[in-house]
Amino acid sequence: MENFRTDQHNYASDNDVDEALALFYDGGSAPVISDHKHGDMAQQLIEVALDAGIPIYENPQLLEQLAELKVGDNIPPELYRLVAEILAFAFYIQGKAPEGYDPQA
């Protein structure tokens, strides 16, 4: 199931997390795999992200594809559009927008 999580309320009890992956995006180049954890460390990665106000997106198929990469690798071009849509929505639900963005334009 694909969805966003933005709070930690009962996250651990709702989900049996075996693997988690984090992306870094600077707004310029392709997103980069910034962290990849398994087991208890995966749950800790999610908790740290939620505590920092970073939305969590659950998509097992995307995780499977990205898990083949190493920390520091850019996402592959064939995933740019999907990841861009996810990032755009994550920014939107956080009330963020690119510099110079005008929704009325």
Foldseek 3Di string as FASTA:
>chain_A
DKDKDQADVCVVVVDQFFKAWDWDDPPPDAIFTADIDGDPVRVVVVVVCNVVRQMDIDDVVVCVQCVVDDGGDGDDPVCRVVVVVVVVVRCVVVVHDDPPDDPVD
